[in-house]
C-alpha cells in the first residue's frame, strides 16, 4: 500500500554546500539518504514529497558541517500480508511468474495462478491452463493477494513476497474482464 508519511530527521550539510540554497541542498541530501531505503515500520521509501520545516542549524566541534533538524513528507510503499495488489508480469519462468508491485518484485508460483493445472510453455515464455487454456504471459496486468511476506531491511533486494490468484475476482485483468462480460450476457437472457 502506498502512503504519505511525515518523518523527522537530522541532515548533515557539508561545508562545501553551505553557500548554496539551503532548502535545495537539504532536499537533495534527503533524497540521497532516504530514497530506496527499506524500513520495517514504513516500508520502502519511494521519494521525498516536500519539506515542512527546517530547524536551526547546529555546528559540532571538529566538524565543519552544519546539522539541521528537518520535518518532511515522504511517499512509501509497504506491502501488507493479505492485501490485494495489482501489478505487471515481468518474467515467466518454469515455476511461475514474477510480478512487479510497486518497488518490489513478487513471486506468483504456478500452483497459485488458477485452480487449473498450469503448464510452462518454454518456447513462448508463458503459462497455459491445461483445461481452461487461460494464458499468462509477460506484460499481463494481474490482481493478486499477498500470502507471504519477508522484508529484509539490511538487504532489500533479498526481500521475498509471495502471491496467489486462486480466489474469486483475482487473476489476470483480462480474465476478470471476460468473466464480467460473461455475467452481463447471462443476466440479459
N, C-alpha and C. Protein backbone atom coordinates (compact mmCIF):
# COMPACT_ATOMS: atom_id res chain seq x y z
N UNK A 1 0.84 -1.16 0.00
CA UNK A 1 0.00 0.00 0.00
C UNK A 1 0.90 1.24 0.00
N UNK A 2 0.54 2.20 -0.83
CA UNK A 2 1.26 3.48 -0.84
C UNK A 2 0.73 4.35 0.27
N UNK A 3 1.61 5.14 0.85
CA UNK A 3 1.21 6.04 1.93
C UNK A 3 2.09 7.28 1.92
N UNK A 4 1.51 8.37 2.41
CA UNK A 4 2.28 9.59 2.63
C UNK A 4 2.58 9.63 4.12
N UNK A 5 3.84 9.76 4.46
CA UNK A 5 4.22 9.77 5.88
C UNK A 5 5.01 11.04 6.19
N UNK A 6 4.97 11.42 7.45
CA UNK A 6 5.74 12.57 7.92
C UNK A 6 6.89 12.02 8.75
N UNK A 7 8.11 12.44 8.42
CA UNK A 7 9.30 11.98 9.12
C UNK A 7 10.07 13.17 9.68
N UNK A 8 10.86 12.88 10.69
CA UNK A 8 11.73 13.88 11.30
C UNK A 8 13.13 13.26 11.37
N UNK A 9 14.12 14.01 10.90
CA UNK A 9 15.49 13.51 10.95
C UNK A 9 16.46 14.69 10.97
N UNK A 10 17.71 14.38 11.20
CA UNK A 10 18.76 15.39 11.18
C UNK A 10 19.57 15.21 9.91
N UNK A 11 19.81 16.32 9.21
CA UNK A 11 20.55 16.27 7.96
C UNK A 11 21.87 17.02 8.13
N UNK A 12 22.96 16.38 7.72
CA UNK A 12 24.29 16.98 7.78
C UNK A 12 24.57 17.66 6.44
N UNK A 13 24.75 18.98 6.48
CA UNK A 13 25.09 19.74 5.28
C UNK A 13 26.59 20.01 5.32
N UNK A 14 27.34 19.45 4.36
CA UNK A 14 28.79 19.63 4.35
C UNK A 14 29.18 21.09 4.07
N UNK A 15 30.37 21.50 4.51
CA UNK A 15 30.81 22.89 4.32
C UNK A 15 30.78 23.34 2.86
N UNK A 16 31.07 22.45 1.93
CA UNK A 16 31.11 22.81 0.51
C UNK A 16 29.74 23.22 -0.04
N UNK A 17 28.67 22.86 0.66
CA UNK A 17 27.30 23.15 0.19
C UNK A 17 26.67 24.35 0.91
N UNK A 18 27.38 24.94 1.86
CA UNK A 18 26.78 26.00 2.68
C UNK A 18 26.51 27.29 1.91
N UNK A 19 27.18 27.52 0.79
CA UNK A 19 26.95 28.74 0.01
C UNK A 19 25.73 28.63 -0.91
N UNK A 20 25.15 27.44 -1.04
CA UNK A 20 24.02 27.21 -1.94
C UNK A 20 22.69 27.40 -1.19
N UNK A 21 21.56 27.38 -1.95
CA UNK A 21 20.24 27.47 -1.35
C UNK A 21 20.05 26.28 -0.40
N UNK A 22 19.90 26.58 0.89
CA UNK A 22 19.90 25.53 1.91
C UNK A 22 18.74 24.55 1.75
N UNK A 23 17.55 25.03 1.34
CA UNK A 23 16.40 24.13 1.18
C UNK A 23 16.65 23.13 0.04
N UNK A 24 17.21 23.60 -1.06
CA UNK A 24 17.52 22.71 -2.19
C UNK A 24 18.57 21.69 -1.81
N UNK A 25 19.57 22.14 -1.06
CA UNK A 25 20.63 21.23 -0.62
C UNK A 25 20.06 20.16 0.30
N UNK A 26 19.24 20.56 1.25
CA UNK A 26 18.64 19.60 2.19
C UNK A 26 17.72 18.64 1.45
N UNK A 27 16.94 19.13 0.51
CA UNK A 27 16.06 18.26 -0.28
C UNK A 27 16.89 17.20 -1.01
N UNK A 28 17.97 17.62 -1.63
CA UNK A 28 18.85 16.70 -2.36
C UNK A 28 19.47 15.67 -1.41
N UNK A 29 19.90 16.12 -0.24
CA UNK A 29 20.50 15.21 0.74
C UNK A 29 19.46 14.22 1.28
N UNK A 30 18.23 14.66 1.47
CA UNK A 30 17.16 13.76 1.94
C UNK A 30 16.91 12.67 0.90
N UNK A 31 16.87 13.05 -0.40
CA UNK A 31 16.68 12.05 -1.46
C UNK A 31 17.80 11.01 -1.42
N UNK A 32 19.04 11.49 -1.30
CA UNK A 32 20.19 10.57 -1.24
C UNK A 32 20.10 9.62 -0.05
N UNK A 33 19.69 10.17 1.08
CA UNK A 33 19.67 9.40 2.32
C UNK A 33 18.49 8.42 2.41
N UNK A 34 17.33 8.80 1.87
CA UNK A 34 16.13 8.00 2.11
C UNK A 34 15.59 7.23 0.92
N UNK A 35 15.78 7.70 -0.31
CA UNK A 35 15.19 7.03 -1.46
C UNK A 35 15.67 5.58 -1.54
N UNK A 36 14.72 4.65 -1.63
CA UNK A 36 15.05 3.23 -1.74
C UNK A 36 15.37 2.56 -0.41
N UNK A 37 15.27 3.29 0.67
CA UNK A 37 15.56 2.71 1.99
C UNK A 37 14.35 1.91 2.46
N UNK A 38 14.61 0.73 2.99
CA UNK A 38 13.55 -0.13 3.50
C UNK A 38 13.53 -0.04 5.01
N UNK A 39 12.38 0.30 5.53
CA UNK A 39 12.18 0.43 6.98
C UNK A 39 11.05 -0.51 7.39
N UNK A 40 11.25 -1.24 8.45
CA UNK A 40 10.25 -2.21 8.89
C UNK A 40 8.89 -1.56 9.18
N UNK A 41 8.92 -0.36 9.73
CA UNK A 41 7.67 0.32 10.08
C UNK A 41 6.98 0.97 8.88
N UNK A 42 7.75 1.61 8.00
CA UNK A 42 7.16 2.38 6.90
C UNK A 42 7.18 1.66 5.55
N UNK A 43 8.02 0.67 5.40
CA UNK A 43 8.18 0.00 4.11
C UNK A 43 9.28 0.66 3.31
N UNK A 44 9.19 0.59 1.97
CA UNK A 44 10.19 1.16 1.08
C UNK A 44 9.86 2.63 0.86
N UNK A 45 10.81 3.50 1.14
CA UNK A 45 10.60 4.92 0.90
C UNK A 45 10.89 5.19 -0.58
N UNK A 46 9.86 5.67 -1.27
CA UNK A 46 9.93 5.90 -2.72
C UNK A 46 10.57 7.24 -3.02
N UNK A 47 10.21 8.26 -2.26
CA UNK A 47 10.77 9.57 -2.52
C UNK A 47 10.32 10.61 -1.51
N UNK A 48 10.95 11.77 -1.58
CA UNK A 48 10.64 12.88 -0.70
C UNK A 48 9.64 13.79 -1.42
N UNK A 49 8.52 14.06 -0.79
CA UNK A 49 7.49 14.88 -1.41
C UNK A 49 7.71 16.37 -1.14
N UNK A 50 7.91 16.72 0.13
CA UNK A 50 8.09 18.13 0.48
C UNK A 50 8.76 18.24 1.84
N UNK A 51 9.36 19.41 2.05
CA UNK A 51 9.96 19.72 3.35
C UNK A 51 9.01 20.65 4.07
N UNK A 52 8.63 20.30 5.30
CA UNK A 52 7.72 21.13 6.08
C UNK A 52 8.44 22.14 6.95
N UNK A 53 9.56 21.70 7.52
CA UNK A 53 10.23 22.56 8.50
C UNK A 53 11.72 22.26 8.52
N UNK A 54 12.51 23.34 8.52
CA UNK A 54 13.96 23.21 8.70
C UNK A 54 14.31 23.97 9.97
N UNK A 55 14.85 23.26 10.93
CA UNK A 55 15.19 23.88 12.20
C UNK A 55 16.48 24.68 12.12
N UNK A 56 16.86 25.25 13.25
CA UNK A 56 18.12 25.99 13.35
C UNK A 56 19.29 25.03 13.14
N UNK A 57 20.31 25.50 12.46
CA UNK A 57 21.50 24.67 12.24
C UNK A 57 22.37 24.59 13.48
N UNK A 58 23.03 23.46 13.65
CA UNK A 58 23.96 23.27 14.77
C UNK A 58 25.32 22.87 14.21
N UNK A 59 26.36 23.39 14.84
CA UNK A 59 27.72 23.03 14.45
C UNK A 59 28.29 22.18 15.57
N UNK A 60 28.90 21.08 15.19
CA UNK A 60 29.53 20.19 16.17
C UNK A 60 31.03 20.42 16.09
N UNK A 61 31.65 20.59 17.24
CA UNK A 61 33.09 20.87 17.31
C UNK A 61 33.88 19.80 16.56
N UNK A 62 34.80 20.26 15.73
CA UNK A 62 35.64 19.33 14.98
C UNK A 62 35.07 18.93 13.63
N UNK A 63 33.84 19.37 13.35
CA UNK A 63 33.19 19.04 12.07
C UNK A 63 32.72 20.37 11.46
N UNK A 64 33.14 20.69 10.27
CA UNK A 64 32.78 21.95 9.64
C UNK A 64 31.37 21.98 9.09
N UNK A 65 30.67 20.86 9.16
CA UNK A 65 29.31 20.78 8.62
C UNK A 65 28.30 21.40 9.58
N UNK A 66 27.11 21.69 9.03
CA UNK A 66 26.01 22.19 9.85
C UNK A 66 24.91 21.14 9.84
N UNK A 67 24.36 20.86 11.03
CA UNK A 67 23.32 19.84 11.19
C UNK A 67 21.97 20.53 11.38
N UNK A 68 20.99 20.12 10.55
CA UNK A 68 19.66 20.71 10.62
C UNK A 68 18.64 19.62 10.97
N UNK A 69 17.74 19.94 11.93
CA UNK A 69 16.60 19.06 12.20
C UNK A 69 15.55 19.39 11.15
N UNK A 70 15.05 18.36 10.46
CA UNK A 70 14.14 18.58 9.34
C UNK A 70 12.89 17.72 9.53
N UNK A 71 11.72 18.32 9.24
CA UNK A 71 10.46 17.60 9.19
C UNK A 71 10.05 17.59 7.72
N UNK A 72 9.78 16.40 7.18
CA UNK A 72 9.46 16.30 5.76
C UNK A 72 8.44 15.21 5.49
N UNK A 73 7.81 15.29 4.32
CA UNK A 73 6.83 14.30 3.90
C UNK A 73 7.46 13.40 2.85
N UNK A 74 7.21 12.11 2.97
CA UNK A 74 7.76 11.14 2.04
C UNK A 74 6.64 10.21 1.57
N UNK A 75 6.84 9.62 0.41
CA UNK A 75 5.92 8.62 -0.12
C UNK A 75 6.59 7.26 0.06
N UNK A 76 5.83 6.31 0.61
CA UNK A 76 6.40 4.98 0.83
C UNK A 76 5.43 3.90 0.33
N UNK A 77 5.98 2.72 0.14
CA UNK A 77 5.18 1.56 -0.28
C UNK A 77 5.46 0.44 0.71
N UNK A 78 4.41 0.03 1.41
CA UNK A 78 4.56 -1.05 2.38
C UNK A 78 3.57 -2.16 2.05
N UNK A 79 4.07 -3.28 1.53
CA UNK A 79 3.16 -4.40 1.28
C UNK A 79 2.67 -4.96 2.60
N UNK A 80 1.40 -5.35 2.63
CA UNK A 80 0.78 -5.87 3.85
C UNK A 80 0.25 -7.27 3.57
N UNK A 81 0.49 -8.18 4.51
CA UNK A 81 0.02 -9.56 4.38
C UNK A 81 -1.49 -9.57 4.15
N UNK A 82 -1.95 -10.31 3.15
CA UNK A 82 -3.35 -10.47 2.75
C UNK A 82 -3.90 -9.29 1.94
N UNK A 83 -3.07 -8.30 1.64
CA UNK A 83 -3.51 -7.17 0.83
C UNK A 83 -3.67 -7.60 -0.63
N UNK A 84 -4.69 -7.05 -1.29
CA UNK A 84 -4.89 -7.28 -2.72
C UNK A 84 -4.14 -6.19 -3.47
N UNK A 85 -3.28 -6.61 -4.41
CA UNK A 85 -2.45 -5.68 -5.17
C UNK A 85 -2.61 -5.93 -6.66
N UNK A 86 -2.28 -4.93 -7.44
CA UNK A 86 -2.24 -5.09 -8.89
C UNK A 86 -0.82 -4.83 -9.35
N UNK A 87 -0.40 -5.58 -10.37
CA UNK A 87 0.95 -5.42 -10.88
C UNK A 87 1.06 -5.97 -12.28
N UNK A 88 2.26 -5.90 -12.80
CA UNK A 88 2.54 -6.37 -14.16
C UNK A 88 3.46 -7.58 -14.12
N UNK A 89 3.13 -8.59 -14.92
CA UNK A 89 4.00 -9.76 -15.03
C UNK A 89 5.25 -9.32 -15.80
N UNK A 90 6.41 -9.45 -15.16
CA UNK A 90 7.65 -9.00 -15.80
C UNK A 90 8.52 -10.16 -16.29
N UNK A 91 8.24 -11.37 -15.76
CA UNK A 91 9.02 -12.52 -16.21
C UNK A 91 8.25 -13.80 -15.93
N UNK A 92 8.29 -14.72 -16.89
CA UNK A 92 7.70 -16.04 -16.72
C UNK A 92 8.85 -17.04 -16.67
N UNK A 93 8.84 -17.89 -15.66
CA UNK A 93 9.86 -18.93 -15.50
C UNK A 93 9.15 -20.26 -15.30
N UNK A 94 9.89 -21.34 -15.30
CA UNK A 94 9.25 -22.66 -15.26
C UNK A 94 8.47 -22.94 -13.98
N UNK A 95 8.72 -22.19 -12.92
CA UNK A 95 7.99 -22.43 -11.66
C UNK A 95 6.95 -21.36 -11.37
N UNK A 96 6.78 -20.38 -12.27
CA UNK A 96 5.76 -19.36 -12.04
C UNK A 96 6.05 -18.06 -12.75
N UNK A 97 5.62 -16.97 -12.14
CA UNK A 97 5.78 -15.65 -12.74
C UNK A 97 6.25 -14.65 -11.69
N UNK A 98 7.05 -13.70 -12.13
CA UNK A 98 7.43 -12.60 -11.27
C UNK A 98 6.58 -11.40 -11.64
N UNK A 99 6.00 -10.77 -10.61
CA UNK A 99 5.07 -9.66 -10.81
C UNK A 99 5.65 -8.42 -10.13
N UNK A 100 5.69 -7.32 -10.86
CA UNK A 100 6.18 -6.06 -10.31
C UNK A 100 5.03 -5.38 -9.58
N UNK A 101 5.20 -5.20 -8.26
CA UNK A 101 4.21 -4.46 -7.45
C UNK A 101 4.96 -3.33 -6.73
N UNK A 102 4.73 -2.12 -7.16
CA UNK A 102 5.47 -1.00 -6.58
C UNK A 102 6.96 -1.20 -6.82
N UNK A 103 7.79 -0.96 -5.81
CA UNK A 103 9.23 -1.12 -5.99
C UNK A 103 9.72 -2.56 -5.80
N UNK A 104 8.82 -3.48 -5.55
CA UNK A 104 9.19 -4.88 -5.31
C UNK A 104 8.76 -5.79 -6.45
N UNK A 105 9.46 -6.91 -6.58
CA UNK A 105 9.03 -8.00 -7.46
C UNK A 105 8.55 -9.13 -6.57
N UNK A 106 7.37 -9.66 -6.87
CA UNK A 106 6.78 -10.73 -6.07
C UNK A 106 6.69 -11.99 -6.92
N UNK A 107 6.71 -13.14 -6.26
CA UNK A 107 6.61 -14.43 -6.96
C UNK A 107 5.18 -14.93 -6.92
N UNK A 108 4.69 -15.27 -8.10
CA UNK A 108 3.40 -15.93 -8.25
C UNK A 108 3.72 -17.35 -8.71
N UNK A 109 3.75 -18.28 -7.75
CA UNK A 109 4.09 -19.67 -8.09
C UNK A 109 3.01 -20.23 -9.01
N UNK A 110 3.39 -21.10 -9.94
CA UNK A 110 2.43 -21.62 -10.92
C UNK A 110 1.26 -22.34 -10.26
N UNK A 111 1.45 -22.88 -9.05
CA UNK A 111 0.34 -23.54 -8.35
C UNK A 111 -0.66 -22.52 -7.80
N UNK A 112 -0.29 -21.23 -7.81
CA UNK A 112 -1.16 -20.19 -7.26
C UNK A 112 -1.79 -19.30 -8.33
N UNK A 113 -1.62 -19.69 -9.61
CA UNK A 113 -2.17 -18.88 -10.70
C UNK A 113 -3.67 -19.10 -10.83
N UNK A 114 -4.10 -20.35 -10.99
CA UNK A 114 -5.53 -20.69 -11.09
C UNK A 114 -5.74 -22.05 -10.43
N UNK A 115 -7.01 -22.46 -10.35
CA UNK A 115 -7.31 -23.80 -9.85
C UNK A 115 -6.94 -24.86 -10.89
N UNK A 116 -6.82 -24.44 -12.14
CA UNK A 116 -6.43 -25.32 -13.24
C UNK A 116 -4.93 -25.61 -13.14
N UNK A 117 -4.52 -26.75 -13.65
CA UNK A 117 -3.10 -27.09 -13.69
C UNK A 117 -2.43 -26.24 -14.77
N UNK A 118 -1.39 -25.50 -14.41
CA UNK A 118 -0.70 -24.63 -15.37
C UNK A 118 0.54 -25.33 -15.91
N UNK A 119 0.77 -25.15 -17.21
CA UNK A 119 1.92 -25.76 -17.89
C UNK A 119 2.80 -24.63 -18.40
N UNK A 120 4.12 -24.79 -18.22
CA UNK A 120 5.07 -23.79 -18.70
C UNK A 120 5.36 -24.01 -20.17
N UNK A 121 5.06 -23.04 -21.00
CA UNK A 121 5.35 -23.07 -22.43
C UNK A 121 6.68 -22.35 -22.61
N UNK A 122 7.77 -23.12 -22.63
CA UNK A 122 9.11 -22.54 -22.65
C UNK A 122 9.38 -21.74 -23.93
N UNK A 123 8.90 -22.23 -25.05
CA UNK A 123 9.14 -21.57 -26.33
C UNK A 123 8.55 -20.17 -26.35
N UNK A 124 7.33 -20.01 -25.86
CA UNK A 124 6.64 -18.72 -25.87
C UNK A 124 6.74 -17.97 -24.54
N UNK A 125 7.43 -18.53 -23.57
CA UNK A 125 7.59 -17.92 -22.24
C UNK A 125 6.25 -17.51 -21.67
N UNK A 126 5.39 -18.50 -21.45
CA UNK A 126 4.07 -18.22 -20.88
C UNK A 126 3.59 -19.43 -20.10
N UNK A 127 2.58 -19.22 -19.27
CA UNK A 127 1.92 -20.29 -18.53
C UNK A 127 0.54 -20.49 -19.15
N UNK A 128 0.18 -21.77 -19.39
CA UNK A 128 -1.08 -22.08 -20.04
C UNK A 128 -1.86 -23.07 -19.19
N UNK A 129 -3.15 -22.79 -18.97
CA UNK A 129 -4.03 -23.69 -18.22
C UNK A 129 -4.30 -24.95 -19.03
N UNK A 130 -4.15 -26.12 -18.40
CA UNK A 130 -4.31 -27.38 -19.12
C UNK A 130 -5.74 -27.55 -19.64
N UNK A 131 -6.74 -27.22 -18.81
CA UNK A 131 -8.14 -27.39 -19.23
C UNK A 131 -8.76 -26.09 -19.73
N UNK A 132 -8.53 -24.99 -19.00
CA UNK A 132 -9.17 -23.71 -19.35
C UNK A 132 -8.49 -23.01 -20.52
N UNK A 133 -7.24 -23.35 -20.77
CA UNK A 133 -6.43 -22.72 -21.82
C UNK A 133 -6.15 -21.24 -21.53
N UNK A 134 -6.35 -20.81 -20.28
CA UNK A 134 -6.01 -19.44 -19.91
C UNK A 134 -4.51 -19.27 -20.04
N UNK A 135 -4.09 -18.11 -20.54
CA UNK A 135 -2.67 -17.84 -20.79
C UNK A 135 -2.22 -16.67 -19.92
N UNK A 136 -1.06 -16.84 -19.29
CA UNK A 136 -0.43 -15.76 -18.53
C UNK A 136 0.94 -15.55 -19.14
N UNK A 137 1.20 -14.30 -19.57
CA UNK A 137 2.48 -14.02 -20.21
C UNK A 137 3.03 -12.68 -19.76
N UNK A 138 4.28 -12.41 -20.12
CA UNK A 138 4.91 -11.16 -19.75
C UNK A 138 4.10 -9.98 -20.28
N UNK A 139 3.96 -8.95 -19.46
CA UNK A 139 3.20 -7.76 -19.84
C UNK A 139 1.76 -7.79 -19.36
N UNK A 140 1.26 -8.96 -18.95
CA UNK A 140 -0.12 -9.04 -18.46
C UNK A 140 -0.25 -8.30 -17.13
N UNK A 141 -1.36 -7.60 -16.97
CA UNK A 141 -1.67 -6.95 -15.70
C UNK A 141 -2.49 -7.93 -14.87
N UNK A 142 -2.16 -8.06 -13.59
CA UNK A 142 -2.83 -9.03 -12.73
C UNK A 142 -3.27 -8.39 -11.42
N UNK A 143 -4.27 -9.03 -10.81
CA UNK A 143 -4.72 -8.68 -9.46
C UNK A 143 -4.48 -9.92 -8.61
N UNK A 144 -3.75 -9.75 -7.51
CA UNK A 144 -3.38 -10.89 -6.67
C UNK A 144 -3.40 -10.50 -5.19
N UNK A 145 -3.35 -11.51 -4.34
CA UNK A 145 -3.31 -11.29 -2.89
C UNK A 145 -1.93 -11.69 -2.38
N UNK A 146 -1.40 -10.88 -1.46
CA UNK A 146 -0.11 -11.20 -0.84
C UNK A 146 -0.34 -12.27 0.21
N UNK A 147 0.32 -13.43 0.06
CA UNK A 147 0.12 -14.53 1.00
C UNK A 147 1.37 -14.84 1.83
N UNK A 148 2.52 -14.34 1.41
CA UNK A 148 3.72 -14.48 2.23
C UNK A 148 4.57 -13.24 2.05
N UNK A 149 5.23 -12.86 3.14
CA UNK A 149 5.94 -11.59 3.14
C UNK A 149 7.15 -11.67 4.06
N UNK A 150 8.32 -11.39 3.50
CA UNK A 150 9.55 -11.38 4.28
C UNK A 150 10.40 -10.21 3.78
N UNK A 151 10.33 -9.08 4.51
CA UNK A 151 11.09 -7.90 4.12
C UNK A 151 12.41 -7.85 4.88
N UNK A 152 13.48 -7.62 4.16
CA UNK A 152 14.83 -7.57 4.74
C UNK A 152 15.34 -6.14 4.71
N UNK A 153 15.37 -5.48 5.87
CA UNK A 153 15.78 -4.08 5.95
C UNK A 153 17.22 -3.87 5.47
N UNK A 154 18.12 -4.74 5.89
CA UNK A 154 19.53 -4.56 5.56
C UNK A 154 19.85 -4.91 4.12
N UNK A 155 19.08 -5.84 3.55
CA UNK A 155 19.30 -6.24 2.16
C UNK A 155 17.94 -6.29 1.44
N UNK A 156 17.40 -5.11 1.08
CA UNK A 156 16.06 -5.06 0.48
C UNK A 156 15.91 -5.95 -0.75
N UNK A 157 16.99 -6.13 -1.51
CA UNK A 157 16.92 -6.96 -2.71
C UNK A 157 16.68 -8.43 -2.40
N UNK A 158 16.88 -8.83 -1.14
CA UNK A 158 16.62 -10.22 -0.73
C UNK A 158 15.24 -10.40 -0.11
N UNK A 159 14.43 -9.34 -0.12
CA UNK A 159 13.06 -9.44 0.38
C UNK A 159 12.27 -10.40 -0.51
N UNK A 160 11.31 -11.11 0.09
CA UNK A 160 10.51 -12.08 -0.66
C UNK A 160 9.02 -11.82 -0.40
N UNK A 161 8.26 -11.82 -1.51
CA UNK A 161 6.81 -11.63 -1.43
C UNK A 161 6.17 -12.71 -2.28
N UNK A 162 5.22 -13.45 -1.69
CA UNK A 162 4.50 -14.49 -2.42
C UNK A 162 3.07 -14.07 -2.68
N UNK A 163 2.57 -14.41 -3.87
CA UNK A 163 1.22 -14.02 -4.28
C UNK A 163 0.36 -15.23 -4.60
N UNK A 164 -0.96 -15.02 -4.57
CA UNK A 164 -1.91 -16.01 -5.07
C UNK A 164 -2.97 -15.30 -5.91
N UNK A 165 -3.49 -16.03 -6.90
CA UNK A 165 -4.63 -15.53 -7.69
C UNK A 165 -5.75 -16.57 -7.66
N UNK A 166 -5.68 -17.52 -6.73
CA UNK A 166 -6.66 -18.61 -6.66
C UNK A 166 -7.85 -18.26 -5.77
N UNK A 167 -8.40 -17.09 -5.97
CA UNK A 167 -9.58 -16.66 -5.23
C UNK A 167 -10.49 -15.89 -6.18
N UNK A 168 -11.77 -15.79 -5.86
CA UNK A 168 -12.69 -15.08 -6.75
C UNK A 168 -12.23 -13.64 -7.01
N UNK A 169 -12.35 -13.21 -8.25
CA UNK A 169 -12.06 -11.88 -8.74
C UNK A 169 -10.59 -11.51 -8.67
N UNK A 170 -9.74 -12.52 -8.55
CA UNK A 170 -8.31 -12.32 -8.69
C UNK A 170 -7.88 -13.01 -9.98
N UNK A 171 -6.78 -12.56 -10.56
CA UNK A 171 -6.26 -13.16 -11.78
C UNK A 171 -5.79 -12.10 -12.74
N UNK A 172 -5.50 -12.51 -13.96
CA UNK A 172 -5.14 -11.54 -14.99
C UNK A 172 -6.35 -10.64 -15.22
N UNK A 173 -6.11 -9.35 -15.36
CA UNK A 173 -7.23 -8.41 -15.52
C UNK A 173 -8.05 -8.76 -16.76
N UNK A 174 -7.41 -9.29 -17.80
CA UNK A 174 -8.16 -9.68 -19.00
C UNK A 174 -9.11 -10.84 -18.68
N UNK A 175 -8.73 -11.75 -17.78
CA UNK A 175 -9.62 -12.85 -17.39
C UNK A 175 -10.81 -12.30 -16.61
N UNK A 176 -10.55 -11.35 -15.73
CA UNK A 176 -11.62 -10.76 -14.92
C UNK A 176 -12.62 -10.03 -15.82
N UNK A 177 -12.11 -9.28 -16.80
CA UNK A 177 -12.99 -8.58 -17.75
C UNK A 177 -13.85 -9.57 -18.52
N UNK A 178 -13.26 -10.69 -18.95
CA UNK A 178 -14.02 -11.73 -19.67
C UNK A 178 -15.14 -12.29 -18.79
N UNK A 179 -14.83 -12.50 -17.51
CA UNK A 179 -15.82 -13.03 -16.57
C UNK A 179 -16.96 -12.04 -16.37
N UNK A 180 -16.65 -10.76 -16.28
CA UNK A 180 -17.67 -9.72 -16.13
C UNK A 180 -18.58 -9.69 -17.36
N UNK A 181 -17.99 -9.75 -18.55
CA UNK A 181 -18.77 -9.76 -19.79
C UNK A 181 -19.68 -10.99 -19.84
N UNK A 182 -19.15 -12.12 -19.42
CA UNK A 182 -19.93 -13.37 -19.42
C UNK A 182 -21.14 -13.23 -18.48
N UNK A 183 -20.92 -12.66 -17.30
CA UNK A 183 -22.01 -12.46 -16.34
C UNK A 183 -23.05 -11.47 -16.85
N UNK A 184 -22.61 -10.43 -17.56
CA UNK A 184 -23.55 -9.47 -18.14
C UNK A 184 -24.45 -10.15 -19.16
N UNK A 185 -23.85 -10.96 -20.02
CA UNK A 185 -24.62 -11.66 -21.06
C UNK A 185 -25.63 -12.63 -20.43
N UNK A 186 -25.21 -13.32 -19.37
CA UNK A 186 -26.11 -14.26 -18.69
C UNK A 186 -27.28 -13.53 -18.04
N UNK A 187 -27.02 -12.34 -17.50
CA UNK A 187 -28.10 -11.59 -16.83
C UNK A 187 -29.08 -10.98 -17.83
N UNK A 188 -28.66 -10.78 -19.07
CA UNK A 188 -29.52 -10.23 -20.12
C UNK A 188 -30.52 -11.26 -20.62
N UNK A 189 -30.18 -12.53 -20.46
CA UNK A 189 -31.04 -13.60 -21.00
C UNK A 189 -32.26 -13.81 -20.15
